[in-house]
ModelCIF file with pLDDT and N, C-alpha, C, O atoms, coordinates in Angstrom:
data_MODEL
#
_entry.id   MODEL 
#
_entity.id                         1 
_entity.type                       polymer 
_entity.pdbx_number_of_molecules   1 
#
_entity_poly.entity_id                      1 
_entity_poly.type                           'polypeptide(L)' 
_entity_poly.nstd_linkage                   no 
_entity_poly.nstd_monomer                   no 
_entity_poly.pdbx_seq_one_letter_code       YLQLIEGAGYLKKVDLLAYDVPYATHNDRSVKLLDTLQARL 
_entity_poly.pdbx_seq_one_letter_code_can   YLQLIEGAGYLKKVDLLAYDVPYATHNDRSVKLLDTLQARL 
_entity_poly.pdbx_strand_id                 A 
#
loop_
_entity_poly_seq.entity_id 
_entity_poly_seq.num 
_entity_poly_seq.mon_id 
_entity_poly_seq.hetero 
1 1  TYR n 
1 2  LEU n 
1 3  GLN n 
1 4  LEU n 
1 5  ILE n 
1 6  GLU n 
1 7  GLY n 
1 8  ALA n 
1 9  GLY n 
1 10 TYR n 
1 11 LEU n 
1 12 LYS n 
1 13 LYS n 
1 14 VAL n 
1 15 ASP n 
1 16 LEU n 
1 17 LEU n 
1 18 ALA n 
1 19 TYR n 
1 20 ASP n 
1 21 VAL n 
1 22 PRO n 
1 23 TYR n 
1 24 ALA n 
1 25 THR n 
1 26 HIS n 
1 27 ASN n 
1 28 ASP n 
1 29 ARG n 
1 30 SER n 
1 31 VAL n 
1 32 LYS n 
1 33 LEU n 
1 34 LEU n 
1 35 ASP n 
1 36 THR n 
1 37 LEU n 
1 38 GLN n 
1 39 ALA n 
1 40 ARG n 
1 41 LEU n 
#
_struct_asym.id          A 
_struct_asym.entity_id   1 
#
loop_
_ma_qa_metric.id 
_ma_qa_metric.mode 
_ma_qa_metric.name 
_ma_qa_metric.software_group_id 
_ma_qa_metric.type 
1 global pLDDT . pLDDT 
2 local  pLDDT . pLDDT 
#
_ma_qa_metric_global.metric_id      1 
_ma_qa_metric_global.metric_value   87.98 
_ma_qa_metric_global.model_id       1 
_ma_qa_metric_global.ordinal_id     1 
#
loop_
_ma_qa_metric_local.label_asym_id 
_ma_qa_metric_local.label_comp_id 
_ma_qa_metric_local.label_seq_id 
_ma_qa_metric_local.metric_id 
_ma_qa_metric_local.metric_value 
_ma_qa_metric_local.model_id 
_ma_qa_metric_local.ordinal_id 
A TYR 1  2 98.00 1 1  
A LEU 2  2 98.00 1 2  
A GLN 3  2 98.00 1 3  
A LEU 4  2 98.00 1 4  
A ILE 5  2 98.00 1 5  
A GLU 6  2 98.00 1 6  
A GLY 7  2 98.00 1 7  
A ALA 8  2 98.00 1 8  
A GLY 9  2 98.00 1 9  
A TYR 10 2 98.00 1 10 
A LEU 11 2 98.00 1 11 
A LYS 12 2 98.00 1 12 
A LYS 13 2 96.00 1 13 
A VAL 14 2 96.00 1 14 
A ASP 15 2 97.00 1 15 
A LEU 16 2 96.00 1 16 
A LEU 17 2 97.00 1 17 
A ALA 18 2 97.00 1 18 
A TYR 19 2 95.00 1 19 
A ASP 20 2 94.00 1 20 
A VAL 21 2 89.00 1 21 
A PRO 22 2 88.00 1 22 
A TYR 23 2 82.00 1 23 
A ALA 24 2 80.00 1 24 
A THR 25 2 76.00 1 25 
A HIS 26 2 71.00 1 26 
A ASN 27 2 67.00 1 27 
A ASP 28 2 70.00 1 28 
A ARG 29 2 70.00 1 29 
A SER 30 2 67.00 1 30 
A VAL 31 2 73.00 1 31 
A LYS 32 2 75.00 1 32 
A LEU 33 2 76.00 1 33 
A LEU 34 2 82.00 1 34 
A ASP 35 2 81.00 1 35 
A THR 36 2 84.00 1 36 
A LEU 37 2 84.00 1 37 
A GLN 38 2 87.00 1 38 
A ALA 39 2 85.00 1 39 
A ARG 40 2 87.00 1 40 
A LEU 41 2 89.00 1 41 
#
loop_
_atom_site.group_PDB 
_atom_site.id 
_atom_site.type_symbol 
_atom_site.label_atom_id 
_atom_site.label_alt_id 
_atom_site.label_comp_id 
_atom_site.label_asym_id 
_atom_site.label_entity_id 
_atom_site.label_seq_id 
_atom_site.pdbx_PDB_ins_code 
_atom_site.Cartn_x 
_atom_site.Cartn_y 
_atom_site.Cartn_z 
_atom_site.occupancy 
_atom_site.B_iso_or_equiv 
_atom_site.pdbx_formal_charge 
_atom_site.auth_seq_id 
_atom_site.auth_comp_id 
_atom_site.auth_asym_id 
_atom_site.auth_atom_id 
_atom_site.pdbx_PDB_model_num 
ATOM 1   N N  . TYR A 1 1  ? 59.166 20.579 -26.450 1.00 98.00 ? 1  TYR A N  1 
ATOM 2   C CA . TYR A 1 1  ? 57.883 19.877 -26.427 1.00 98.00 ? 1  TYR A CA 1 
ATOM 3   C C  . TYR A 1 1  ? 56.725 20.847 -26.178 1.00 98.00 ? 1  TYR A C  1 
ATOM 4   O O  . TYR A 1 1  ? 55.626 20.651 -26.696 1.00 98.00 ? 1  TYR A O  1 
ATOM 5   N N  . LEU A 1 2  ? 56.973 21.883 -25.394 1.00 98.00 ? 2  LEU A N  1 
ATOM 6   C CA . LEU A 1 2  ? 55.913 22.865 -25.109 1.00 98.00 ? 2  LEU A CA 1 
ATOM 7   C C  . LEU A 1 2  ? 55.401 23.485 -26.402 1.00 98.00 ? 2  LEU A C  1 
ATOM 8   O O  . LEU A 1 2  ? 54.191 23.613 -26.593 1.00 98.00 ? 2  LEU A O  1 
ATOM 9   N N  . GLN A 1 3  ? 56.317 23.872 -27.296 1.00 98.00 ? 3  GLN A N  1 
ATOM 10  C CA . GLN A 1 3  ? 55.905 24.465 -28.562 1.00 98.00 ? 3  GLN A CA 1 
ATOM 11  C C  . GLN A 1 3  ? 55.187 23.443 -29.448 1.00 98.00 ? 3  GLN A C  1 
ATOM 12  O O  . GLN A 1 3  ? 54.223 23.784 -30.133 1.00 98.00 ? 3  GLN A O  1 
ATOM 13  N N  . LEU A 1 4  ? 55.655 22.197 -29.434 1.00 98.00 ? 4  LEU A N  1 
ATOM 14  C CA . LEU A 1 4  ? 55.008 21.171 -30.256 1.00 98.00 ? 4  LEU A CA 1 
ATOM 15  C C  . LEU A 1 4  ? 53.567 20.935 -29.820 1.00 98.00 ? 4  LEU A C  1 
ATOM 16  O O  . LEU A 1 4  ? 52.672 20.830 -30.658 1.00 98.00 ? 4  LEU A O  1 
ATOM 17  N N  . ILE A 1 5  ? 53.341 20.852 -28.514 1.00 98.00 ? 5  ILE A N  1 
ATOM 18  C CA . ILE A 1 5  ? 51.998 20.571 -28.001 1.00 98.00 ? 5  ILE A CA 1 
ATOM 19  C C  . ILE A 1 5  ? 51.083 21.767 -28.218 1.00 98.00 ? 5  ILE A C  1 
ATOM 20  O O  . ILE A 1 5  ? 49.937 21.611 -28.640 1.00 98.00 ? 5  ILE A O  1 
ATOM 21  N N  . GLU A 1 6  ? 51.592 22.963 -27.928 1.00 98.00 ? 6  GLU A N  1 
ATOM 22  C CA . GLU A 1 6  ? 50.772 24.159 -28.179 1.00 98.00 ? 6  GLU A CA 1 
ATOM 23  C C  . GLU A 1 6  ? 50.530 24.335 -29.677 1.00 98.00 ? 6  GLU A C  1 
ATOM 24  O O  . GLU A 1 6  ? 49.460 24.779 -30.091 1.00 98.00 ? 6  GLU A O  1 
ATOM 25  N N  . GLY A 1 7  ? 51.523 23.987 -30.479 1.00 98.00 ? 7  GLY A N  1 
ATOM 26  C CA . GLY A 1 7  ? 51.366 24.093 -31.927 1.00 98.00 ? 7  GLY A CA 1 
ATOM 27  C C  . GLY A 1 7  ? 50.330 23.140 -32.485 1.00 98.00 ? 7  GLY A C  1 
ATOM 28  O O  . GLY A 1 7  ? 49.798 23.358 -33.574 1.00 98.00 ? 7  GLY A O  1 
ATOM 29  N N  . ALA A 1 8  ? 50.041 22.071 -31.731 1.00 98.00 ? 8  ALA A N  1 
ATOM 30  C CA . ALA A 1 8  ? 49.009 21.118 -32.140 1.00 98.00 ? 8  ALA A CA 1 
ATOM 31  C C  . ALA A 1 8  ? 47.630 21.527 -31.619 1.00 98.00 ? 8  ALA A C  1 
ATOM 32  O O  . ALA A 1 8  ? 46.662 20.780 -31.762 1.00 98.00 ? 8  ALA A O  1 
ATOM 33  N N  . GLY A 1 9  ? 47.544 22.713 -31.016 1.00 98.00 ? 9  GLY A N  1 
ATOM 34  C CA . GLY A 1 9  ? 46.244 23.248 -30.613 1.00 98.00 ? 9  GLY A CA 1 
ATOM 35  C C  . GLY A 1 9  ? 45.861 23.033 -29.168 1.00 98.00 ? 9  GLY A C  1 
ATOM 36  O O  . GLY A 1 9  ? 44.701 23.233 -28.808 1.00 98.00 ? 9  GLY A O  1 
ATOM 37  N N  . TYR A 1 10 ? 46.799 22.632 -28.328 1.00 98.00 ? 10 TYR A N  1 
ATOM 38  C CA . TYR A 1 10 ? 46.491 22.354 -26.930 1.00 98.00 ? 10 TYR A CA 1 
ATOM 39  C C  . TYR A 1 10 ? 46.705 23.589 -26.056 1.00 98.00 ? 10 TYR A C  1 
ATOM 40  O O  . TYR A 1 10 ? 47.616 24.384 -26.286 1.00 98.00 ? 10 TYR A O  1 
ATOM 41  N N  . LEU A 1 11 ? 45.844 23.729 -25.054 1.00 98.00 ? 11 LEU A N  1 
ATOM 42  C CA . LEU A 1 11 ? 45.907 24.844 -24.115 1.00 98.00 ? 11 LEU A CA 1 
ATOM 43  C C  . LEU A 1 11 ? 46.152 24.328 -22.701 1.00 98.00 ? 11 LEU A C  1 
ATOM 44  O O  . LEU A 1 11 ? 45.861 23.174 -22.387 1.00 98.00 ? 11 LEU A O  1 
ATOM 45  N N  . LYS A 1 12 ? 46.680 25.184 -21.874 1.00 98.00 ? 12 LYS A N  1 
ATOM 46  C CA . LYS A 1 12 ? 46.936 24.817 -20.479 1.00 98.00 ? 12 LYS A CA 1 
ATOM 47  C C  . LYS A 1 12 ? 45.642 24.424 -19.774 1.00 98.00 ? 12 LYS A C  1 
ATOM 48  O O  . LYS A 1 12 ? 44.623 25.106 -19.882 1.00 98.00 ? 12 LYS A O  1 
ATOM 49  N N  . LYS A 1 13 ? 45.708 23.305 -19.049 1.00 96.00 ? 13 LYS A N  1 
ATOM 50  C CA . LYS A 1 13 ? 44.618 22.893 -18.167 1.00 96.00 ? 13 LYS A CA 1 
ATOM 51  C C  . LYS A 1 13 ? 44.966 23.229 -16.721 1.00 96.00 ? 13 LYS A C  1 
ATOM 52  O O  . LYS A 1 13 ? 44.173 23.848 -16.011 1.00 96.00 ? 13 LYS A O  1 
ATOM 53  N N  . VAL A 1 14 ? 46.167 22.814 -16.288 1.00 96.00 ? 14 VAL A N  1 
ATOM 54  C CA . VAL A 1 14 ? 46.612 23.100 -14.916 1.00 96.00 ? 14 VAL A CA 1 
ATOM 55  C C  . VAL A 1 14 ? 48.112 22.851 -14.829 1.00 96.00 ? 14 VAL A C  1 
ATOM 56  O O  . VAL A 1 14 ? 48.661 22.051 -15.586 1.00 96.00 ? 14 VAL A O  1 
ATOM 57  N N  . ASP A 1 15 ? 48.767 23.535 -13.909 1.00 97.00 ? 15 ASP A N  1 
ATOM 58  C CA . ASP A 1 15 ? 50.186 23.283 -13.653 1.00 97.00 ? 15 ASP A CA 1 
ATOM 59  C C  . ASP A 1 15 ? 50.361 22.475 -12.371 1.00 97.00 ? 15 ASP A C  1 
ATOM 60  O O  . ASP A 1 15 ? 49.580 22.598 -11.427 1.00 97.00 ? 15 ASP A O  1 
ATOM 61  N N  . LEU A 1 16 ? 51.393 21.655 -12.360 1.00 96.00 ? 16 LEU A N  1 
ATOM 62  C CA . LEU A 1 16 ? 51.746 20.804 -11.228 1.00 96.00 ? 16 LEU A CA 1 
ATOM 63  C C  . LEU A 1 16 ? 53.123 21.238 -10.731 1.00 96.00 ? 16 LEU A C  1 
ATOM 64  O O  . LEU A 1 16 ? 54.039 21.444 -11.528 1.00 96.00 ? 16 LEU A O  1 
ATOM 65  N N  . LEU A 1 17 ? 53.264 21.375 -9.427  1.00 97.00 ? 17 LEU A N  1 
ATOM 66  C CA . LEU A 1 17 ? 54.488 21.909 -8.847  1.00 97.00 ? 17 LEU A CA 1 
ATOM 67  C C  . LEU A 1 17 ? 55.297 20.834 -8.145  1.00 97.00 ? 17 LEU A C  1 
ATOM 68  O O  . LEU A 1 17 ? 54.750 19.923 -7.524  1.00 97.00 ? 17 LEU A O  1 
ATOM 69  N N  . ALA A 1 18 ? 56.615 20.960 -8.259  1.00 97.00 ? 18 ALA A N  1 
ATOM 70  C CA . ALA A 1 18 ? 57.543 20.109 -7.512  1.00 97.00 ? 18 ALA A CA 1 
ATOM 71  C C  . ALA A 1 18 ? 58.369 21.020 -6.610  1.00 97.00 ? 18 ALA A C  1 
ATOM 72  O O  . ALA A 1 18 ? 58.991 21.976 -7.075  1.00 97.00 ? 18 ALA A O  1 
ATOM 73  N N  . TYR A 1 19 ? 58.368 20.713 -5.321  1.00 95.00 ? 19 TYR A N  1 
ATOM 74  C CA . TYR A 1 19 ? 59.095 21.518 -4.341  1.00 95.00 ? 19 TYR A CA 1 
ATOM 75  C C  . TYR A 1 19 ? 60.353 20.793 -3.888  1.00 95.00 ? 19 TYR A C  1 
ATOM 76  O O  . TYR A 1 19 ? 60.320 19.594 -3.613  1.00 95.00 ? 19 TYR A O  1 
ATOM 77  N N  . ASP A 1 20 ? 61.459 21.519 -3.811  1.00 94.00 ? 20 ASP A N  1 
ATOM 78  C CA . ASP A 1 20 ? 62.674 20.995 -3.200  1.00 94.00 ? 20 ASP A CA 1 
ATOM 79  C C  . ASP A 1 20 ? 62.733 21.434 -1.737  1.00 94.00 ? 20 ASP A C  1 
ATOM 80  O O  . ASP A 1 20 ? 62.500 22.598 -1.410  1.00 94.00 ? 20 ASP A O  1 
ATOM 81  N N  . VAL A 1 21 ? 63.051 20.473 -0.866  1.00 89.00 ? 21 VAL A N  1 
ATOM 82  C CA . VAL A 1 21 ? 63.224 20.783 0.552   1.00 89.00 ? 21 VAL A CA 1 
ATOM 83  C C  . VAL A 1 21 ? 64.589 20.248 0.990   1.00 89.00 ? 21 VAL A C  1 
ATOM 84  O O  . VAL A 1 21 ? 64.674 19.125 1.488   1.00 89.00 ? 21 VAL A O  1 
ATOM 85  N N  . PRO A 1 22 ? 65.663 21.038 0.813   1.00 88.00 ? 22 PRO A N  1 
ATOM 86  C CA . PRO A 1 22 ? 66.982 20.596 1.305   1.00 88.00 ? 22 PRO A CA 1 
ATOM 87  C C  . PRO A 1 22 ? 66.986 20.646 2.837   1.00 88.00 ? 22 PRO A C  1 
ATOM 88  O O  . PRO A 1 22 ? 66.631 21.666 3.428   1.00 88.00 ? 22 PRO A O  1 
ATOM 89  N N  . TYR A 1 23 ? 67.382 19.560 3.465   1.00 82.00 ? 23 TYR A N  1 
ATOM 90  C CA . TYR A 1 23 ? 67.269 19.511 4.916   1.00 82.00 ? 23 TYR A CA 1 
ATOM 91  C C  . TYR A 1 23 ? 68.281 20.403 5.631   1.00 82.00 ? 23 TYR A C  1 
ATOM 92  O O  . TYR A 1 23 ? 68.117 20.709 6.812   1.00 82.00 ? 23 TYR A O  1 
ATOM 93  N N  . ALA A 1 24 ? 69.328 20.822 4.917   1.00 80.00 ? 24 ALA A N  1 
ATOM 94  C CA . ALA A 1 24 ? 70.308 21.720 5.532   1.00 80.00 ? 24 ALA A CA 1 
ATOM 95  C C  . ALA A 1 24 ? 69.719 23.104 5.781   1.00 80.00 ? 24 ALA A C  1 
ATOM 96  O O  . ALA A 1 24 ? 70.172 23.818 6.676   1.00 80.00 ? 24 ALA A O  1 
ATOM 97  N N  . THR A 1 25 ? 68.716 23.487 4.999   1.00 76.00 ? 25 THR A N  1 
ATOM 98  C CA . THR A 1 25 ? 68.146 24.827 5.128   1.00 76.00 ? 25 THR A CA 1 
ATOM 99  C C  . THR A 1 25 ? 66.658 24.815 5.455   1.00 76.00 ? 25 THR A C  1 
ATOM 100 O O  . THR A 1 25 ? 66.020 25.868 5.460   1.00 76.00 ? 25 THR A O  1 
ATOM 101 N N  . HIS A 1 26 ? 66.090 23.629 5.731   1.00 71.00 ? 26 HIS A N  1 
ATOM 102 C CA . HIS A 1 26 ? 64.649 23.584 5.981   1.00 71.00 ? 26 HIS A CA 1 
ATOM 103 C C  . HIS A 1 26 ? 64.324 24.179 7.349   1.00 71.00 ? 26 HIS A C  1 
ATOM 104 O O  . HIS A 1 26 ? 65.167 24.214 8.246   1.00 71.00 ? 26 HIS A O  1 
ATOM 105 N N  . ASN A 1 27 ? 63.101 24.637 7.484   1.00 67.00 ? 27 ASN A N  1 
ATOM 106 C CA . ASN A 1 27 ? 62.603 25.117 8.772   1.00 67.00 ? 27 ASN A CA 1 
ATOM 107 C C  . ASN A 1 27 ? 62.209 23.894 9.596   1.00 67.00 ? 27 ASN A C  1 
ATOM 108 O O  . ASN A 1 27 ? 61.269 23.181 9.245   1.00 67.00 ? 27 ASN A O  1 
ATOM 109 N N  . ASP A 1 28 ? 62.928 23.654 10.692  1.00 70.00 ? 28 ASP A N  1 
ATOM 110 C CA . ASP A 1 28 ? 62.721 22.411 11.442  1.00 70.00 ? 28 ASP A CA 1 
ATOM 111 C C  . ASP A 1 28 ? 61.654 22.539 12.526  1.00 70.00 ? 28 ASP A C  1 
ATOM 112 O O  . ASP A 1 28 ? 61.628 21.763 13.481  1.00 70.00 ? 28 ASP A O  1 
ATOM 113 N N  . ARG A 1 29 ? 60.773 23.532 12.365  1.00 70.00 ? 29 ARG A N  1 
ATOM 114 C CA . ARG A 1 29 ? 59.715 23.714 13.367  1.00 70.00 ? 29 ARG A CA 1 
ATOM 115 C C  . ARG A 1 29 ? 58.860 22.466 13.518  1.00 70.00 ? 29 ARG A C  1 
ATOM 116 O O  . ARG A 1 29 ? 58.489 22.091 14.630  1.00 70.00 ? 29 ARG A O  1 
ATOM 117 N N  . SER A 1 30 ? 58.540 21.809 12.372  1.00 67.00 ? 30 SER A N  1 
ATOM 118 C CA . SER A 1 30 ? 57.689 20.618 12.433  1.00 67.00 ? 30 SER A CA 1 
ATOM 119 C C  . SER A 1 30 ? 58.373 19.487 13.180  1.00 67.00 ? 30 SER A C  1 
ATOM 120 O O  . SER A 1 30 ? 57.710 18.673 13.823  1.00 67.00 ? 30 SER A O  1 
ATOM 121 N N  . VAL A 1 31 ? 59.723 19.430 13.097  1.00 73.00 ? 31 VAL A N  1 
ATOM 122 C CA . VAL A 1 31 ? 60.465 18.397 13.828  1.00 73.00 ? 31 VAL A CA 1 
ATOM 123 C C  . VAL A 1 31 ? 60.481 18.722 15.320  1.00 73.00 ? 31 VAL A C  1 
ATOM 124 O O  . VAL A 1 31 ? 60.281 17.842 16.157  1.00 73.00 ? 31 VAL A O  1 
ATOM 125 N N  . LYS A 1 32 ? 60.722 19.996 15.646  1.00 75.00 ? 32 LYS A N  1 
ATOM 126 C CA . LYS A 1 32 ? 60.785 20.404 17.040  1.00 75.00 ? 32 LYS A CA 1 
ATOM 127 C C  . LYS A 1 32 ? 59.446 20.219 17.753  1.00 75.00 ? 32 LYS A C  1 
ATOM 128 O O  . LYS A 1 32 ? 59.403 19.958 18.955  1.00 75.00 ? 32 LYS A O  1 
ATOM 129 N N  . LEU A 1 33 ? 58.363 20.355 17.002  1.00 76.00 ? 33 LEU A N  1 
ATOM 130 C CA . LEU A 1 33 ? 57.032 20.243 17.608  1.00 76.00 ? 33 LEU A CA 1 
ATOM 131 C C  . LEU A 1 33 ? 56.489 18.819 17.616  1.00 76.00 ? 33 LEU A C  1 
ATOM 132 O O  . LEU A 1 33 ? 55.369 18.584 18.069  1.00 76.00 ? 33 LEU A O  1 
ATOM 133 N N  . LEU A 1 34 ? 57.272 17.876 17.121  1.00 82.00 ? 34 LEU A N  1 
ATOM 134 C CA . LEU A 1 34 ? 56.766 16.517 16.962  1.00 82.00 ? 34 LEU A CA 1 
ATOM 135 C C  . LEU A 1 34 ? 56.194 15.942 18.254  1.00 82.00 ? 34 LEU A C  1 
ATOM 136 O O  . LEU A 1 34 ? 55.078 15.421 18.264  1.00 82.00 ? 34 LEU A O  1 
ATOM 137 N N  . ASP A 1 35 ? 56.944 16.035 19.330  1.00 81.00 ? 35 ASP A N  1 
ATOM 138 C CA . ASP A 1 35 ? 56.484 15.440 20.591  1.00 81.00 ? 35 ASP A CA 1 
ATOM 139 C C  . ASP A 1 35 ? 55.175 16.061 21.043  1.00 81.00 ? 35 ASP A C  1 
ATOM 140 O O  . ASP A 1 35 ? 54.267 15.363 21.494  1.00 81.00 ? 35 ASP A O  1 
ATOM 141 N N  . THR A 1 36 ? 55.084 17.386 20.918  1.00 84.00 ? 36 THR A N  1 
ATOM 142 C CA . THR A 1 36 ? 53.849 18.081 21.314  1.00 84.00 ? 36 THR A CA 1 
ATOM 143 C C  . THR A 1 36 ? 52.680 17.675 20.435  1.00 84.00 ? 36 THR A C  1 
ATOM 144 O O  . THR A 1 36 ? 51.588 17.391 20.926  1.00 84.00 ? 36 THR A O  1 
ATOM 145 N N  . LEU A 1 37 ? 52.925 17.649 19.110  1.00 84.00 ? 37 LEU A N  1 
ATOM 146 C CA . LEU A 1 37 ? 51.851 17.303 18.176  1.00 84.00 ? 37 LEU A CA 1 
ATOM 147 C C  . LEU A 1 37 ? 51.402 15.859 18.359  1.00 84.00 ? 37 LEU A C  1 
ATOM 148 O O  . LEU A 1 37 ? 50.205 15.575 18.346  1.00 84.00 ? 37 LEU A O  1 
ATOM 149 N N  . GLN A 1 38 ? 52.339 14.961 18.527  1.00 87.00 ? 38 GLN A N  1 
ATOM 150 C CA . GLN A 1 38 ? 51.970 13.555 18.696  1.00 87.00 ? 38 GLN A CA 1 
ATOM 151 C C  . GLN A 1 38 ? 51.215 13.324 20.000  1.00 87.00 ? 38 GLN A C  1 
ATOM 152 O O  . GLN A 1 38 ? 50.303 12.499 20.053  1.00 87.00 ? 38 GLN A O  1 
ATOM 153 N N  . ALA A 1 39 ? 51.594 14.052 21.052  1.00 85.00 ? 39 ALA A N  1 
ATOM 154 C CA . ALA A 1 39 ? 50.873 13.926 22.323  1.00 85.00 ? 39 ALA A CA 1 
ATOM 155 C C  . ALA A 1 39 ? 49.439 14.414 22.174  1.00 85.00 ? 39 ALA A C  1 
ATOM 156 O O  . ALA A 1 39 ? 48.514 13.834 22.744  1.00 85.00 ? 39 ALA A O  1 
ATOM 157 N N  . ARG A 1 40 ? 49.258 15.487 21.402  1.00 87.00 ? 40 ARG A N  1 
ATOM 158 C CA . ARG A 1 40 ? 47.907 16.002 21.176  1.00 87.00 ? 40 ARG A CA 1 
ATOM 159 C C  . ARG A 1 40 ? 47.075 15.014 20.365  1.00 87.00 ? 40 ARG A C  1 
ATOM 160 O O  . ARG A 1 40 ? 45.897 14.800 20.652  1.00 87.00 ? 40 ARG A O  1 
ATOM 161 N N  . LEU A 1 41 ? 47.699 14.412 19.348  1.00 89.00 ? 41 LEU A N  1 
ATOM 162 C CA . LEU A 1 41 ? 46.975 13.423 18.547  1.00 89.00 ? 41 LEU A CA 1 
ATOM 163 C C  . LEU A 1 41 ? 46.611 12.196 19.378  1.00 89.00 ? 41 LEU A C  1 
ATOM 164 O O  . LEU A 1 41 ? 45.997 11.261 18.862  1.00 89.00 ? 41 LEU A O  1 
#
């Protein structure tokens, strides 16, 4: 489809990203800080 759209004269406007966050390997700092952050809020 990329070639078809570019072949019809279209140029990139912007890219959109999708991030994977597997919980087995995620950095759990945000979870560990939850109580502190919620108390501050």
